[in-house]
Protein backbone atom coordinates (compact mmCIF):
# COMPACT_ATOMS: atom_id res chain seq x y z
CA MET A 1 -30.06 -9.17 14.53
CA ASN A 2 -26.67 -8.88 12.93
CA VAL A 3 -25.50 -12.30 11.78
CA THR A 4 -21.98 -11.15 10.89
CA VAL A 5 -20.94 -11.15 14.64
CA TYR A 6 -21.23 -14.90 14.51
CA ILE A 7 -18.99 -15.54 11.58
CA VAL A 8 -15.59 -15.69 13.32
CA PRO A 9 -16.87 -17.84 16.26
CA VAL A 10 -18.54 -20.28 13.73
CA VAL A 11 -15.29 -20.48 11.58
CA ILE A 12 -13.17 -21.15 14.77
CA CYS A 13 -15.71 -23.79 15.96
CA THR A 14 -15.70 -25.47 12.53
CA ILE A 15 -11.97 -25.58 12.53
CA LEU A 16 -11.84 -27.17 15.95
CA ILE A 17 -14.59 -29.74 15.06
CA CYS A 18 -12.77 -30.76 11.80
CA ALA A 19 -9.45 -30.97 13.68
CA ALA A 20 -10.99 -33.23 16.36
CA PHE A 21 -12.71 -35.34 13.62
CA LYS A 22 -9.50 -35.75 11.76
CA LYS A 23 -7.40 -36.21 14.95
CA VAL A 24 -5.01 -33.37 14.19
CA ASP A 25 -2.97 -31.94 17.09
CA ILE A 26 -4.06 -28.34 16.91
CA LEU A 27 -1.33 -27.00 19.30
CA LYS A 28 1.48 -28.69 17.49
CA GLU A 29 0.13 -27.38 14.02
CA PHE A 30 -0.27 -23.91 15.43
CA SER A 31 3.22 -23.80 16.85
CA LYS A 32 4.71 -25.09 13.53
CA GLY A 33 2.78 -22.29 11.68
CA ALA A 34 3.89 -19.60 14.10
CA ALA A 35 7.49 -20.72 13.73
CA ASP A 36 7.23 -20.63 9.99
CA GLY A 37 5.78 -17.18 10.22
CA LEU A 38 8.51 -15.95 12.32
CA LYS A 39 11.09 -17.37 9.89
CA THR A 40 9.41 -15.52 7.11
CA ALA A 41 9.39 -12.26 9.08
CA VAL A 42 13.10 -12.55 9.85
CA ASN A 43 13.87 -13.21 5.99
CA LEU A 44 11.83 -9.97 5.09
CA VAL A 45 13.64 -7.65 7.59
CA PRO A 46 16.67 -6.80 5.38
CA THR A 47 14.56 -5.97 2.31
CA LEU A 48 12.18 -3.81 4.27
CA ALA A 49 14.99 -2.13 6.11
CA LEU A 50 16.66 -1.23 2.70
CA LEU A 51 13.34 -0.03 1.28
CA LEU A 52 12.54 2.13 4.25
CA THR A 53 16.09 3.63 4.43
CA ALA A 54 16.11 4.47 0.73
CA ILE A 55 12.68 6.20 1.03
CA GLY A 56 13.95 8.30 4.05
CA MET A 57 16.90 9.19 2.19
CA PHE A 58 15.00 10.33 -0.87
CA ARG A 59 12.76 12.46 1.23
CA ALA A 60 15.42 14.03 3.47
CA SER A 61 17.77 14.87 0.53
CA GLY A 62 15.32 17.08 -1.11
CA ALA A 63 15.15 14.96 -4.26
CA LEU A 64 11.46 14.37 -3.68
CA ASN A 65 10.71 18.26 -3.96
CA ALA A 66 13.12 18.48 -7.06
CA VAL A 67 11.40 15.68 -8.86
CA THR A 68 8.02 17.11 -7.87
CA SER A 69 8.86 20.55 -9.32
CA MET A 70 10.12 19.03 -12.56
CA LEU A 71 7.01 17.03 -13.08
CA SER A 72 4.48 19.70 -12.00
CA LYS A 73 3.87 21.06 -15.64
CA GLY A 74 3.15 17.58 -16.93
CA ALA A 75 0.94 16.76 -14.01
CA GLU A 76 -1.07 19.98 -14.50
CA PHE A 77 -1.45 19.10 -18.23
CA ILE A 78 -3.02 15.82 -17.50
CA GLY A 79 -5.37 17.33 -14.81
CA LEU A 80 -3.45 16.05 -11.80
CA PRO A 81 -3.00 18.97 -9.16
CA SER A 82 0.69 19.47 -8.54
CA GLU A 83 -0.03 19.39 -4.74
CA VAL A 84 -0.34 15.66 -4.87
CA LEU A 85 2.72 14.87 -6.85
CA PRO A 86 4.81 13.96 -3.72
CA LEU A 87 2.02 11.40 -2.96
CA VAL A 88 2.16 10.05 -6.40
CA LEU A 89 6.00 9.57 -6.24
CA LEU A 90 5.91 8.01 -2.72
CA LYS A 91 2.77 5.87 -2.64
CA PRO A 92 4.19 2.95 -4.71
CA PHE A 93 7.04 2.66 -2.14
CA SER A 94 5.65 3.61 1.29
CA GLY A 95 2.27 3.54 2.93
CA SER A 96 3.38 5.40 6.07
CA GLY A 97 5.23 7.97 4.04
CA SER A 98 2.21 8.55 1.88
CA ILE A 99 0.01 8.93 4.85
CA ALA A 100 2.35 11.67 6.18
CA ILE A 101 1.98 13.52 2.81
CA ILE A 102 -1.76 13.03 2.71
CA GLU A 103 -1.82 14.66 6.28
CA ASP A 104 0.40 17.47 4.85
CA ILE A 105 -2.10 18.01 2.01
CA PHE A 106 -5.11 18.06 4.23
CA SER A 107 -3.45 20.54 6.66
CA ASN A 108 -2.22 22.97 3.87
CA TYR A 109 -5.21 22.79 1.45
CA GLY A 110 -8.09 21.15 3.44
CA THR A 111 -9.86 17.86 3.19
CA ASP A 112 -12.58 19.23 0.86
CA SER A 113 -10.17 20.85 -1.57
CA PHE A 114 -9.50 19.44 -4.99
CA ALA A 115 -6.10 18.29 -3.91
CA GLY A 116 -7.46 16.73 -0.59
CA ARG A 117 -10.14 14.84 -2.46
CA VAL A 118 -7.63 13.67 -5.08
CA ALA A 119 -5.13 12.69 -2.40
CA SER A 120 -7.96 10.62 -0.73
CA VAL A 121 -8.89 8.83 -3.85
CA ILE A 122 -5.35 8.15 -4.65
CA ALA A 123 -4.83 6.62 -1.18
CA GLY A 124 -7.93 4.44 -1.58
CA SER A 125 -7.31 3.28 -5.14
CA THR A 126 -3.55 2.65 -5.46
CA GLU A 127 -1.13 0.26 -3.77
CA THR A 128 2.23 0.40 -2.15
CA THR A 129 3.50 -1.61 -5.10
CA PHE A 130 7.20 -2.02 -4.22
CA TYR A 131 6.50 -2.63 -0.58
CA THR A 132 3.94 -5.21 -1.34
CA ILE A 133 6.19 -6.96 -3.90
CA ALA A 134 9.09 -6.99 -1.50
CA VAL A 135 6.96 -8.57 1.18
CA TYR A 136 5.07 -11.13 -0.82
CA TYR A 137 7.86 -12.12 -3.23
CA GLY A 138 10.36 -12.03 -0.48
CA ALA A 139 8.30 -14.42 1.56
CA VAL A 140 8.40 -17.10 -1.21
CA ASN A 141 11.97 -16.09 -2.27
CA ILE A 142 11.06 -14.91 -5.63
CA SER A 143 13.69 -12.57 -7.07
CA LYS A 144 12.44 -12.14 -10.75
CA THR A 145 9.29 -10.12 -10.85
CA ARG A 146 8.91 -10.27 -14.62
CA HIS A 147 5.52 -8.68 -15.60
CA THR A 148 4.48 -7.93 -11.98
CA ILE A 149 6.11 -4.49 -11.57
CA PRO A 150 5.06 -3.07 -15.04
CA ALA A 151 1.46 -4.32 -14.69
CA ALA A 152 1.27 -3.04 -10.99
CA LEU A 153 2.78 0.41 -11.86
CA SER A 154 0.45 0.69 -14.88
CA ALA A 155 -2.48 0.20 -12.52
CA ASP A 156 -1.04 2.86 -10.05
CA ILE A 157 -0.56 5.35 -12.92
CA ALA A 158 -4.23 4.68 -13.93
CA GLY A 159 -5.29 5.23 -10.49
CA PHE A 160 -3.33 8.55 -10.17
CA ILE A 161 -4.74 10.13 -13.42
CA LEU A 162 -8.29 8.78 -13.01
CA SER A 163 -8.54 9.90 -9.44
CA ALA A 164 -8.28 13.53 -10.55
CA PHE A 165 -10.76 12.81 -13.37
CA PHE A 166 -13.41 11.25 -11.20
CA VAL A 167 -13.02 13.86 -8.43
CA ARG A 168 -13.54 16.54 -11.05
CA LEU A 169 -16.54 14.64 -12.58
CA PHE A 170 -18.25 13.92 -9.25
CA PHE A 171 -17.45 17.00 -7.18
CA TYR A 172 -16.78 19.88 -9.47
């Protein structure tokens, strides 16, 4: 018997029982929370529109390909296949854009190729840093990120480099 199927119903029942015990108007609180969520979403739209537009322009202009070709020698030196460089450059900004690049890597080189496996590990071990910061910091109106961006990008860089290392270690 799988107990995990009962977790969500038990949590919901617990919330309802606690709300009834404390005499909380659940419908009113839910409506207030939903309204606050919509206000947050509306406040995030300009930031996300700017970010997605900039990413689209970067890819469409050919700048992504130019930067990729400039960095390919350095990537090869540290063991990162040059085929995943577009993913490395785009992943911190866009999840959907990076998925499109991963699909391109899979179709051109195969899922079991070195580049395909490195792309898979990068996808699972790194974050869409700037998108996440825009959403979470924008939701609470924080404009100064201080140490967040350097720390997050350091983690991303470690994920990029170590992905190639561990794929080589475990598969080749």
